[in-house]
Amino acid sequence: MKKIIFAALVCFFIMSSDAYAHTGLKSSNPENGSTVTEALNEISLIFETKIEKTSSFKLLNATNDEIEVTNISIGEYEMIGSVDKSIENGPYTIQWKIIGVDGHPIEGEVPFILNAPVLEETTDEVVTEEVTEDTETTVEETPEENSAAVAKTEAEVEEDSSNSTTVVLMVVLFTVLVISVWWLLRRKNK
């Protein structure tokens, strides 16, 4: 009987660690779906689990050309990188790939729009011109981009819901198992 209880506890802890192992992005700078109104100098991604040193990310523009990100550092829960050169205003996507401590690869995207002040050089001085909605130079999302961002958000909500459901199911199963073992032991003692 002790072997059954021990096996049940081992199964419970193995299954519960799997439920929490597949966590994703906790926060980012720039934020998912945001419009950045300042020059983009740094990208940071913070995750809900410890990540391996082999994790990575890249920055893509609207035509899926990769923008150079330098000085990428990977901490226990975060990745940070620098954008050295000025990049043009428009839609961008951060594509990240991590390997959690359980060894499972997880990947995702963070879409955002850059709408920062534009620096124009003249012969004598540098003039800063801010891009506003009145100048008709704002970047509008296409219906495809908008639906992709909504689909991504729905997928994240579905994943969180799936993790919660798995945890609740495991707790119920464990409770049933404990009650069954208790009942068998009680019955055996009679």
Protein backbone atom coordinates (compact mmCIF):
# COMPACT_ATOMS: atom_id res chain seq x y z
CA MET A 1 0.00 0.00 0.00
CA LYS A 2 2.91 2.35 0.73
CA LYS A 3 4.15 1.75 -2.81
CA ILE A 4 0.81 2.88 -4.24
CA ILE A 5 0.84 6.07 -2.17
CA PHE A 6 4.45 6.77 -3.15
CA ALA A 7 3.70 6.17 -6.85
CA ALA A 8 0.64 8.45 -6.66
CA LEU A 9 2.67 11.25 -5.11
CA VAL A 10 5.44 10.89 -7.70
CA CYS A 11 2.88 11.00 -10.56
CA PHE A 12 1.21 14.06 -9.06
CA PHE A 13 4.46 16.02 -8.79
CA ILE A 14 5.60 15.02 -12.28
CA MET A 15 2.29 16.06 -13.83
CA SER A 16 2.12 19.32 -11.87
CA SER A 17 5.62 20.35 -12.96
CA ASP A 18 4.61 19.78 -16.60
CA ALA A 19 1.62 22.07 -16.15
CA TYR A 20 3.83 24.94 -15.06
CA ALA A 21 6.73 24.17 -17.39
CA HIS A 22 5.14 25.60 -20.52
CA THR A 23 4.93 29.21 -19.50
CA GLY A 24 5.61 32.03 -21.88
CA LEU A 25 6.33 35.70 -22.02
CA LYS A 26 5.47 37.68 -18.89
CA SER A 27 6.22 41.17 -20.23
CA SER A 28 8.21 42.96 -22.89
CA ASN A 29 9.53 46.37 -23.87
CA PRO A 30 8.11 47.29 -26.34
CA GLU A 31 4.83 45.79 -25.20
CA ASN A 32 2.74 43.44 -27.33
CA GLY A 33 0.64 45.50 -29.79
CA SER A 34 1.93 48.85 -28.53
CA THR A 35 2.91 51.96 -30.46
CA VAL A 36 6.40 53.19 -29.53
CA THR A 37 6.69 56.98 -29.76
CA GLU A 38 10.37 57.31 -28.82
CA ALA A 39 13.54 56.08 -30.49
CA LEU A 40 13.93 52.34 -29.96
CA ASN A 41 17.29 51.67 -28.28
CA GLU A 42 16.67 48.51 -26.27
CA ILE A 43 14.45 45.44 -26.40
CA SER A 44 13.74 43.44 -23.25
CA LEU A 45 11.73 40.24 -22.82
CA ILE A 46 10.86 38.88 -19.37
CA PHE A 47 9.58 35.31 -19.06
CA GLU A 48 7.55 33.45 -16.46
CA THR A 49 10.11 30.64 -16.21
CA LYS A 50 13.88 30.40 -16.11
CA ILE A 51 15.34 30.23 -19.60
CA GLU A 52 18.40 28.51 -20.99
CA LYS A 53 21.41 30.42 -22.35
CA THR A 54 20.63 29.09 -25.87
CA SER A 55 17.42 31.17 -26.01
CA SER A 56 17.28 33.93 -28.65
CA PHE A 57 15.22 36.62 -30.31
CA LYS A 58 15.32 38.69 -33.49
CA LEU A 59 13.69 41.89 -34.73
CA LEU A 60 11.88 41.85 -38.08
CA ASN A 61 10.42 44.74 -40.08
CA ALA A 62 7.18 44.69 -42.15
CA THR A 63 8.91 42.87 -45.04
CA ASN A 64 10.42 40.27 -42.65
CA ASP A 65 13.94 41.67 -43.05
CA GLU A 66 15.97 41.14 -39.89
CA ILE A 67 17.14 44.28 -38.07
CA GLU A 68 20.46 43.93 -36.25
CA VAL A 69 20.18 43.60 -32.48
CA THR A 70 23.48 43.67 -30.59
CA ASN A 71 24.70 43.07 -27.04
CA ILE A 72 22.09 40.39 -26.39
CA SER A 73 22.33 39.22 -22.80
CA ILE A 74 20.39 36.33 -21.32
CA GLY A 75 19.61 36.23 -17.61
CA GLU A 76 17.62 33.71 -15.61
CA TYR A 77 14.25 35.10 -16.66
CA GLU A 78 15.05 37.76 -19.29
CA MET A 79 16.71 38.59 -22.59
CA ILE A 80 17.88 42.11 -23.39
CA GLY A 81 19.37 43.46 -26.62
CA SER A 82 20.37 46.84 -28.08
CA VAL A 83 19.24 48.40 -31.33
CA ASP A 84 22.30 50.45 -32.33
CA LYS A 85 21.13 52.26 -35.43
CA SER A 86 18.06 54.36 -36.07
CA ILE A 87 15.30 52.31 -37.61
CA GLU A 88 12.45 53.61 -39.71
CA ASN A 89 8.94 54.06 -38.40
CA GLY A 90 6.55 51.23 -39.17
CA PRO A 91 5.38 47.83 -37.95
CA TYR A 92 7.90 45.43 -36.38
CA THR A 93 7.82 42.00 -34.81
CA ILE A 94 10.08 40.52 -32.15
CA GLN A 95 10.33 36.76 -32.70
CA TRP A 96 11.61 34.92 -29.63
CA LYS A 97 12.57 31.33 -28.95
CA ILE A 98 13.36 30.05 -25.49
CA ILE A 99 14.12 26.73 -23.93
CA GLY A 100 12.60 26.45 -20.48
CA VAL A 101 14.31 24.68 -17.61
CA ASP A 102 12.33 21.54 -18.46
CA GLY A 103 13.98 21.43 -21.90
CA HIS A 104 10.85 22.21 -23.92
CA PRO A 105 11.25 24.83 -26.67
CA ILE A 106 8.71 27.66 -26.61
CA GLU A 107 8.43 30.47 -29.15
CA GLY A 108 6.29 33.51 -29.75
CA GLU A 109 6.02 36.97 -31.26
CA VAL A 110 5.61 40.52 -30.01
CA PRO A 111 4.21 42.83 -32.71
CA PHE A 112 4.51 46.59 -32.23
CA ILE A 113 4.55 49.81 -34.26
CA LEU A 114 7.38 52.34 -34.16
CA ASN A 115 6.16 55.93 -34.56
CA ALA A 116 9.11 57.92 -33.19
CA PRO A 117 10.27 61.45 -33.96
CA VAL A 118 12.22 61.67 -37.21
CA LEU A 119 15.62 63.35 -37.15
CA GLU A 120 16.46 65.33 -40.30
CA GLU A 121 19.93 66.79 -40.85
CA THR A 122 20.38 70.25 -42.35
CA THR A 123 23.62 71.97 -43.26
CA ASP A 124 23.84 73.89 -39.97
CA GLU A 125 21.84 71.91 -37.39
CA VAL A 126 19.76 68.83 -36.71
CA VAL A 127 16.01 69.48 -36.65
CA THR A 128 13.61 67.13 -34.88
CA GLU A 129 10.28 66.65 -36.59
CA GLU A 130 7.63 64.75 -34.68
CA VAL A 131 5.34 62.51 -36.64
CA THR A 132 1.75 63.22 -35.67
CA GLU A 133 -1.58 61.90 -36.80
CA ASP A 134 -2.28 65.23 -38.56
CA THR A 135 0.60 64.79 -41.02
CA GLU A 136 -0.94 61.60 -42.44
CA THR A 137 2.31 59.70 -41.97
CA THR A 138 1.02 57.39 -39.30
CA VAL A 139 1.23 53.70 -39.90
CA GLU A 140 -2.09 51.93 -40.02
CA GLU A 141 -2.46 48.25 -39.36
CA THR A 142 -3.85 46.21 -42.19
CA PRO A 143 -6.81 43.95 -41.39
CA GLU A 144 -4.46 40.95 -41.66
CA GLU A 145 -2.02 42.41 -39.11
CA ASN A 146 -4.85 43.36 -36.78
CA SER A 147 -6.42 39.88 -36.95
CA ALA A 148 -2.99 38.27 -36.43
CA ALA A 149 -2.48 40.32 -33.25
CA VAL A 150 -5.97 39.39 -32.02
CA ALA A 151 -5.35 35.72 -32.86
CA LYS A 152 -2.05 35.81 -30.94
CA THR A 153 -3.80 37.32 -27.92
CA GLU A 154 -6.57 34.70 -28.10
CA ALA A 155 -3.93 31.95 -28.30
CA GLU A 156 -2.21 33.29 -25.17
CA VAL A 157 -5.55 33.39 -23.30
CA GLU A 158 -6.32 29.84 -24.47
CA GLU A 159 -2.89 28.62 -23.26
CA ASP A 160 -3.41 30.22 -19.83
CA SER A 161 -6.87 28.66 -19.62
CA SER A 162 -5.45 25.28 -20.64
CA ASN A 163 -2.79 25.47 -17.91
CA SER A 164 -5.42 26.36 -15.29
CA THR A 165 -7.66 23.51 -16.41
CA THR A 166 -4.77 21.05 -16.24
CA VAL A 167 -3.89 22.11 -12.69
CA VAL A 168 -7.50 21.83 -11.52
CA LEU A 169 -7.83 18.40 -13.14
CA MET A 170 -4.64 17.19 -11.45
CA VAL A 171 -5.81 18.41 -8.03
CA VAL A 172 -9.16 16.63 -8.48
CA LEU A 173 -7.43 13.41 -9.59
CA PHE A 174 -5.02 13.57 -6.67
CA THR A 175 -7.90 14.12 -4.24
CA VAL A 176 -9.79 11.13 -5.66
CA LEU A 177 -6.64 9.04 -5.43
CA VAL A 178 -6.01 10.01 -1.79
CA ILE A 179 -9.64 9.26 -0.85
CA SER A 180 -9.47 5.90 -2.64
CA VAL A 181 -6.28 4.91 -0.85
CA TRP A 182 -7.71 6.02 2.49
CA TRP A 183 -10.88 4.02 1.85
CA LEU A 184 -8.88 0.90 0.88
CA LEU A 185 -6.71 1.18 4.00
CA ARG A 186 -9.75 1.64 6.21
CA ARG A 187 -11.48 -1.30 4.60
CA LYS A 188 -8.39 -3.50 5.00
CA ASN A 189 -8.15 -2.70 8.73
CA LYS A 190 -11.75 -3.87 9.40
